All heavy atoms as atom14 arrays in JSON, in Angstrom:
{
  "sequence": "QPGGSLRLSCKASGSIFSINAMGWYRQAPGKER",
  "atom14_mask": [
    [1, 1, 1, 1, 1, 1, 1, 1, 1, 0, 0, 0, 0, 0],
    [1, 1, 1, 1, 1, 1, 1, 0, 0, 0, 0, 0, 0, 0],
    [1, 1, 1, 1, 0, 0, 0, 0, 0, 0, 0, 0, 0, 0],
    [1, 1, 1, 1, 0, 0, 0, 0, 0, 0, 0, 0, 0, 0],
    [1, 1, 1, 1, 1, 1, 0, 0, 0, 0, 0, 0, 0, 0],
    [1, 1, 1, 1, 1, 1, 1, 1, 0, 0, 0, 0, 0, 0],
    [1, 1, 1, 1, 1, 1, 1, 1, 1, 1, 1, 0, 0, 0],
    [1, 1, 1, 1, 1, 1, 1, 1, 0, 0, 0, 0, 0, 0],
    [1, 1, 1, 1, 1, 1, 0, 0, 0, 0, 0, 0, 0, 0],
    [1, 1, 1, 1, 1, 1, 0, 0, 0, 0, 0, 0, 0, 0],
    [1, 1, 1, 1, 1, 1, 1, 1, 1, 0, 0, 0, 0, 0],
    [1, 1, 1, 1, 1, 0, 0, 0, 0, 0, 0, 0, 0, 0],
    [1, 1, 1, 1, 1, 1, 0, 0, 0, 0, 0, 0, 0, 0],
    [1, 1, 1, 1, 0, 0, 0, 0, 0, 0, 0, 0, 0, 0],
    [1, 1, 1, 1, 1, 1, 0, 0, 0, 0, 0, 0, 0, 0],
    [1, 1, 1, 1, 1, 1, 1, 1, 0, 0, 0, 0, 0, 0],
    [1, 1, 1, 1, 1, 1, 1, 1, 1, 1, 1, 0, 0, 0],
    [1, 1, 1, 1, 1, 1, 0, 0, 0, 0, 0, 0, 0, 0],
    [1, 1, 1, 1, 1, 1, 1, 1, 0, 0, 0, 0, 0, 0],
    [1, 1, 1, 1, 1, 1, 1, 1, 0, 0, 0, 0, 0, 0],
    [1, 1, 1, 1, 1, 0, 0, 0, 0, 0, 0, 0, 0, 0],
    [1, 1, 1, 1, 1, 1, 1, 1, 0, 0, 0, 0, 0, 0],
    [1, 1, 1, 1, 0, 0, 0, 0, 0, 0, 0, 0, 0, 0],
    [1, 1, 1, 1, 1, 1, 1, 1, 1, 1, 1, 1, 1, 1],
    [1, 1, 1, 1, 1, 1, 1, 1, 1, 1, 1, 1, 0, 0],
    [1, 1, 1, 1, 1, 1, 1, 1, 1, 1, 1, 0, 0, 0],
    [1, 1, 1, 1, 1, 1, 1, 1, 1, 0, 0, 0, 0, 0],
    [1, 1, 1, 1, 1, 0, 0, 0, 0, 0, 0, 0, 0, 0],
    [1, 1, 1, 1, 1, 1, 1, 0, 0, 0, 0, 0, 0, 0],
    [1, 1, 1, 1, 0, 0, 0, 0, 0, 0, 0, 0, 0, 0],
    [1, 1, 1, 1, 1, 1, 1, 1, 1, 0, 0, 0, 0, 0],
    [1, 1, 1, 1, 1, 1, 1, 1, 1, 0, 0, 0, 0, 0],
    [1, 1, 1, 1, 1, 1, 1, 1, 1, 1, 1, 0, 0, 0]
  ],
  "atom14_positions": [
    [[0.83, -1.2, 0.0], [0.0, 0.0, 0.0], [0.86, 1.26, 0.0], [1.99, 1.24, 0.51], [-0.91, 0.01, 1.24], [-1.89, -1.14, 1.32], [-3.13, -0.9, 0.49], [-3.44, 0.24, 0.15], [-3.84, -1.96, 0.16], [0.0, 0.0, 0.0], [0.0, 0.0, 0.0], [0.0, 0.0, 0.0], [0.0, 0.0, 0.0], [0.0, 0.0, 0.0]],
    [[0.38, 2.35, -0.57], [1.11, 3.62, -0.49], [1.4, 3.98, 0.96], [0.53, 3.85, 1.83], [0.16, 4.62, -1.13], [-0.65, 3.81, -2.08], [-0.84, 2.48, -1.38], [0.0, 0.0, 0.0], [0.0, 0.0, 0.0], [0.0, 0.0, 0.0], [0.0, 0.0, 0.0], [0.0, 0.0, 0.0], [0.0, 0.0, 0.0], [0.0, 0.0, 0.0]],
    [[2.62, 4.42, 1.22], [3.03, 4.73, 2.57], [3.6, 3.54, 3.32], [4.14, 3.7, 4.42], [0.0, 0.0, 0.0], [0.0, 0.0, 0.0], [0.0, 0.0, 0.0], [0.0, 0.0, 0.0], [0.0, 0.0, 0.0], [0.0, 0.0, 0.0], [0.0, 0.0, 0.0], [0.0, 0.0, 0.0], [0.0, 0.0, 0.0], [0.0, 0.0, 0.0]],
    [[3.51, 2.37, 2.73], [4.01, 1.17, 3.36], [5.5, 0.97, 3.16], [6.18, 1.81, 2.58], [0.0, 0.0, 0.0], [0.0, 0.0, 0.0], [0.0, 0.0, 0.0], [0.0, 0.0, 0.0], [0.0, 0.0, 0.0], [0.0, 0.0, 0.0], [0.0, 0.0, 0.0], [0.0, 0.0, 0.0], [0.0, 0.0, 0.0], [0.0, 0.0, 0.0]],
    [[5.99, -0.16, 3.65], [7.41, -0.47, 3.59], [7.64, -1.84, 2.98], [6.78, -2.72, 3.03], [8.03, -0.43, 4.98], [7.91, 0.85, 5.57], [0.0, 0.0, 0.0], [0.0, 0.0, 0.0], [0.0, 0.0, 0.0], [0.0, 0.0, 0.0], [0.0, 0.0, 0.0], [0.0, 0.0, 0.0], [0.0, 0.0, 0.0], [0.0, 0.0, 0.0]],
    [[8.82, -2.02, 2.42], [9.2, -3.27, 1.81], [10.71, -3.38, 1.85], [11.41, -2.37, 1.71], [8.7, -3.33, 0.37], [8.51, -4.7, -0.29], [7.43, -5.5, 0.44], [8.12, -4.52, -1.75], [0.0, 0.0, 0.0], [0.0, 0.0, 0.0], [0.0, 0.0, 0.0], [0.0, 0.0, 0.0], [0.0, 0.0, 0.0], [0.0, 0.0, 0.0]],
    [[11.23, -4.58, 2.04], [12.67, -4.78, 2.03], [13.06, -5.77, 0.95], [12.56, -6.9, 0.92], [13.17, -5.29, 3.39], [14.7, -5.36, 3.46], [15.21, -5.75, 4.83], [14.98, -7.16, 5.11], [15.44, -7.79, 6.19], [16.15, -7.11, 7.09], [15.18, -9.07, 6.37], [0.0, 0.0, 0.0], [0.0, 0.0, 0.0], [0.0, 0.0, 0.0]],
    [[13.95, -5.35, 0.09], [14.47, -6.19, -0.97], [15.82, -6.76, -0.56], [16.6, -6.09, 0.12], [14.62, -5.4, -2.27], [13.38, -4.69, -2.8], [13.7, -4.0, -4.12], [12.22, -5.65, -2.96], [0.0, 0.0, 0.0], [0.0, 0.0, 0.0], [0.0, 0.0, 0.0], [0.0, 0.0, 0.0], [0.0, 0.0, 0.0], [0.0, 0.0, 0.0]],
    [[16.08, -7.98, -0.98], [17.35, -8.63, -0.67], [18.05, -9.04, -1.95], [17.41, -9.35, -2.95], [17.13, -9.85, 0.23], [16.59, -9.48, 1.48], [0.0, 0.0, 0.0], [0.0, 0.0, 0.0], [0.0, 0.0, 0.0], [0.0, 0.0, 0.0], [0.0, 0.0, 0.0], [0.0, 0.0, 0.0], [0.0, 0.0, 0.0], [0.0, 0.0, 0.0]],
    [[19.37, -9.04, -1.9], [20.19, -9.43, -3.04], [21.29, -10.36, -2.55], [21.97, -10.06, -1.57], [20.79, -8.19, -3.7], [21.96, -8.55, -5.04], [0.0, 0.0, 0.0], [0.0, 0.0, 0.0], [0.0, 0.0, 0.0], [0.0, 0.0, 0.0], [0.0, 0.0, 0.0], [0.0, 0.0, 0.0], [0.0, 0.0, 0.0], [0.0, 0.0, 0.0]],
    [[21.45, -11.48, -3.23], [22.49, -12.42, -2.86], [23.36, -12.76, -4.07], [22.84, -13.14, -5.11], [21.9, -13.7, -2.29], [22.96, -14.72, -1.86], [22.36, -15.93, -1.19], [23.43, -16.94, -0.81], [24.4, -16.37, 0.15], [0.0, 0.0, 0.0], [0.0, 0.0, 0.0], [0.0, 0.0, 0.0], [0.0, 0.0, 0.0], [0.0, 0.0, 0.0]],
    [[24.65, -12.61, -3.9], [25.61, -13.01, -4.92], [26.22, -14.34, -4.51], [26.63, -14.51, -3.37], [26.7, -11.95, -5.07], [0.0, 0.0, 0.0], [0.0, 0.0, 0.0], [0.0, 0.0, 0.0], [0.0, 0.0, 0.0], [0.0, 0.0, 0.0], [0.0, 0.0, 0.0], [0.0, 0.0, 0.0], [0.0, 0.0, 0.0], [0.0, 0.0, 0.0]],
    [[26.26, -15.27, -5.44], [26.79, -16.6, -5.13], [27.76, -17.04, -6.22], [27.78, -16.51, -7.32], [25.65, -17.61, -4.99], [24.9, -17.71, -6.18], [0.0, 0.0, 0.0], [0.0, 0.0, 0.0], [0.0, 0.0, 0.0], [0.0, 0.0, 0.0], [0.0, 0.0, 0.0], [0.0, 0.0, 0.0], [0.0, 0.0, 0.0], [0.0, 0.0, 0.0]],
    [[28.55, -18.06, -5.9], [29.54, -18.57, -6.83], [30.95, -18.22, -6.38], [31.19, -17.96, -5.21], [0.0, 0.0, 0.0], [0.0, 0.0, 0.0], [0.0, 0.0, 0.0], [0.0, 0.0, 0.0], [0.0, 0.0, 0.0], [0.0, 0.0, 0.0], [0.0, 0.0, 0.0], [0.0, 0.0, 0.0], [0.0, 0.0, 0.0], [0.0, 0.0, 0.0]],
    [[31.86, -18.23, -7.34], [33.26, -17.92, -7.04], [33.44, -16.41, -6.97], [33.45, -15.72, -7.99], [34.17, -18.52, -8.11], [35.53, -18.26, -7.83], [0.0, 0.0, 0.0], [0.0, 0.0, 0.0], [0.0, 0.0, 0.0], [0.0, 0.0, 0.0], [0.0, 0.0, 0.0], [0.0, 0.0, 0.0], [0.0, 0.0, 0.0], [0.0, 0.0, 0.0]],
    [[33.59, -15.9, -5.76], [33.71, -14.46, -5.54], [34.93, -14.17, -4.68], [35.04, -14.68, -3.56], [32.46, -13.89, -4.86], [31.22, -14.14, -5.71], [32.64, -12.4, -4.58], [29.93, -13.78, -5.03], [0.0, 0.0, 0.0], [0.0, 0.0, 0.0], [0.0, 0.0, 0.0], [0.0, 0.0, 0.0], [0.0, 0.0, 0.0], [0.0, 0.0, 0.0]],
    [[35.84, -13.36, -5.2], [36.99, -12.94, -4.43], [36.63, -11.75, -3.55], [36.93, -11.74, -2.35], [38.18, -12.6, -5.34], [39.38, -12.12, -4.59], [40.21, -13.02, -3.93], [39.7, -10.77, -4.52], [41.32, -12.58, -3.22], [40.8, -10.32, -3.82], [41.61, -11.23, -3.17], [0.0, 0.0, 0.0], [0.0, 0.0, 0.0], [0.0, 0.0, 0.0]],
    [[35.99, -10.76, -4.14], [35.56, -9.59, -3.39], [34.49, -8.84, -4.17], [34.49, -8.83, -5.4], [36.73, -8.66, -3.08], [37.27, -8.11, -4.27], [0.0, 0.0, 0.0], [0.0, 0.0, 0.0], [0.0, 0.0, 0.0], [0.0, 0.0, 0.0], [0.0, 0.0, 0.0], [0.0, 0.0, 0.0], [0.0, 0.0, 0.0], [0.0, 0.0, 0.0]],
    [[33.58, -8.21, -3.45], [32.56, -7.37, -4.06], [32.94, -5.92, -3.8], [33.0, -5.49, -2.65], [31.17, -7.67, -3.49], [30.77, -9.12, -3.79], [30.14, -6.69, -4.06], [29.42, -9.51, -3.23], [0.0, 0.0, 0.0], [0.0, 0.0, 0.0], [0.0, 0.0, 0.0], [0.0, 0.0, 0.0], [0.0, 0.0, 0.0], [0.0, 0.0, 0.0]],
    [[33.19, -5.18, -4.86], [33.62, -3.79, -4.72], [32.44, -2.85, -4.47], [32.6, -1.86, -3.76], [34.37, -3.35, -5.97], [35.67, -4.1, -6.15], [36.37, -4.4, -5.19], [36.0, -4.41, -7.39], [0.0, 0.0, 0.0], [0.0, 0.0, 0.0], [0.0, 0.0, 0.0], [0.0, 0.0, 0.0], [0.0, 0.0, 0.0], [0.0, 0.0, 0.0]],
    [[31.3, -3.18, -5.04], [30.13, -2.32, -4.87], [28.87, -3.09, -5.21], [28.88, -4.03, -5.99], [30.24, -1.07, -5.74], [0.0, 0.0, 0.0], [0.0, 0.0, 0.0], [0.0, 0.0, 0.0], [0.0, 0.0, 0.0], [0.0, 0.0, 0.0], [0.0, 0.0, 0.0], [0.0, 0.0, 0.0], [0.0, 0.0, 0.0], [0.0, 0.0, 0.0]],
    [[27.77, -2.66, -4.61], [26.45, -3.21, -4.94], [25.51, -2.04, -5.15], [25.58, -1.03, -4.45], [25.92, -4.11, -3.83], [26.74, -5.36, -3.59], [25.97, -6.49, -2.4], [24.63, -7.16, -3.42], [0.0, 0.0, 0.0], [0.0, 0.0, 0.0], [0.0, 0.0, 0.0], [0.0, 0.0, 0.0], [0.0, 0.0, 0.0], [0.0, 0.0, 0.0]],
    [[24.64, -2.19, -6.12], [23.7, -1.12, -6.41], [22.32, -1.65, -6.74], [22.17, -2.81, -7.14], [0.0, 0.0, 0.0], [0.0, 0.0, 0.0], [0.0, 0.0, 0.0], [0.0, 0.0, 0.0], [0.0, 0.0, 0.0], [0.0, 0.0, 0.0], [0.0, 0.0, 0.0], [0.0, 0.0, 0.0], [0.0, 0.0, 0.0], [0.0, 0.0, 0.0]],
    [[21.34, -0.81, -6.54], [19.96, -1.13, -6.88], [19.48, -0.17, -7.97], [19.65, 1.03, -7.85], [19.05, -1.02, -5.67], [19.25, -2.12, -4.67], [20.09, -2.13, -3.59], [18.59, -3.39, -4.67], [20.0, -3.32, -2.92], [19.09, -4.12, -3.55], [17.64, -3.98, -5.48], [18.65, -5.41, -3.25], [17.2, -5.26, -5.19], [17.71, -5.96, -4.08]],
    [[18.88, -0.74, -9.0], [18.31, 0.02, -10.1], [16.85, -0.35, -10.24], [16.4, -1.38, -9.74], [19.04, -0.3, -11.41], [20.49, 0.14, -11.45], [21.46, -0.54, -10.73], [20.88, 1.23, -12.23], [22.79, -0.14, -10.76], [22.21, 1.63, -12.28], [23.15, 0.93, -11.54], [24.47, 1.33, -11.59], [0.0, 0.0, 0.0], [0.0, 0.0, 0.0]],
    [[16.09, 0.49, -10.92], [14.7, 0.16, -11.18], [14.29, 0.63, -12.56], [14.87, 1.56, -13.12], [13.78, 0.78, -10.12], [13.62, 2.3, -10.21], [12.78, 2.82, -9.05], [12.47, 4.24, -9.18], [11.85, 4.95, -8.25], [11.49, 4.37, -7.11], [11.6, 6.24, -8.46], [0.0, 0.0, 0.0], [0.0, 0.0, 0.0], [0.0, 0.0, 0.0]],
    [[13.29, -0.04, -13.1], [12.79, 0.3, -14.42], [11.28, 0.14, -14.44], [10.76, -0.95, -14.22], [13.42, -0.56, -15.5], [13.05, -0.16, -16.91], [13.92, -0.82, -17.96], [14.52, -1.86, -17.71], [14.0, -0.21, -19.13], [0.0, 0.0, 0.0], [0.0, 0.0, 0.0], [0.0, 0.0, 0.0], [0.0, 0.0, 0.0], [0.0, 0.0, 0.0]],
    [[10.58, 1.23, -14.71], [9.13, 1.22, -14.83], [8.77, 1.06, -16.31], [9.57, 1.36, -17.19], [8.54, 2.51, -14.28], [0.0, 0.0, 0.0], [0.0, 0.0, 0.0], [0.0, 0.0, 0.0], [0.0, 0.0, 0.0], [0.0, 0.0, 0.0], [0.0, 0.0, 0.0], [0.0, 0.0, 0.0], [0.0, 0.0, 0.0], [0.0, 0.0, 0.0]],
    [[7.56, 0.59, -16.6], [7.13, 0.42, -17.99], [7.27, 1.72, -18.78], [6.8, 2.77, -18.35], [5.66, 0.01, -17.86], [5.59, -0.67, -16.53], [6.53, 0.12, -15.65], [0.0, 0.0, 0.0], [0.0, 0.0, 0.0], [0.0, 0.0, 0.0], [0.0, 0.0, 0.0], [0.0, 0.0, 0.0], [0.0, 0.0, 0.0], [0.0, 0.0, 0.0]],
    [[7.91, 1.64, -19.93], [8.1, 2.8, -20.78], [9.17, 3.76, -20.32], [9.37, 4.81, -20.94], [0.0, 0.0, 0.0], [0.0, 0.0, 0.0], [0.0, 0.0, 0.0], [0.0, 0.0, 0.0], [0.0, 0.0, 0.0], [0.0, 0.0, 0.0], [0.0, 0.0, 0.0], [0.0, 0.0, 0.0], [0.0, 0.0, 0.0], [0.0, 0.0, 0.0]],
    [[9.87, 3.41, -19.25], [10.92, 4.28, -18.71], [12.28, 3.61, -18.83], [12.39, 2.4, -18.98], [10.65, 4.61, -17.24], [9.31, 5.27, -16.98], [9.27, 6.68, -17.52], [7.99, 7.38, -17.14], [7.94, 8.77, -17.64], [0.0, 0.0, 0.0], [0.0, 0.0, 0.0], [0.0, 0.0, 0.0], [0.0, 0.0, 0.0], [0.0, 0.0, 0.0]],
    [[13.33, 4.42, -18.77], [14.68, 3.9, -18.78], [15.07, 3.42, -17.39], [14.55, 3.91, -16.38], [15.66, 4.97, -19.25], [15.47, 5.4, -20.7], [16.52, 6.39, -21.14], [17.32, 6.85, -20.3], [16.56, 6.69, -22.34], [0.0, 0.0, 0.0], [0.0, 0.0, 0.0], [0.0, 0.0, 0.0], [0.0, 0.0, 0.0], [0.0, 0.0, 0.0]],
    [[15.98, 2.47, -17.35], [16.46, 1.98, -16.07], [17.25, 3.09, -15.37], [18.06, 3.78, -15.99], [17.34, 0.75, -16.27], [17.78, 0.08, -14.98], [18.49, -1.24, -15.26], [17.61, -2.2, -15.93], [17.95, -3.45, -16.19], [19.14, -3.92, -15.83], [17.09, -4.25, -16.81], [0.0, 0.0, 0.0], [0.0, 0.0, 0.0], [0.0, 0.0, 0.0]]
  ]
}
């Protein structure tokens, strides 16, 4: 609902030496990411 809250999670798996940065992007219909 509008005004509500939500938490998104992201997991990287596999052979990883180090993660330099993580980012979140979004794309709405008809819009650029």
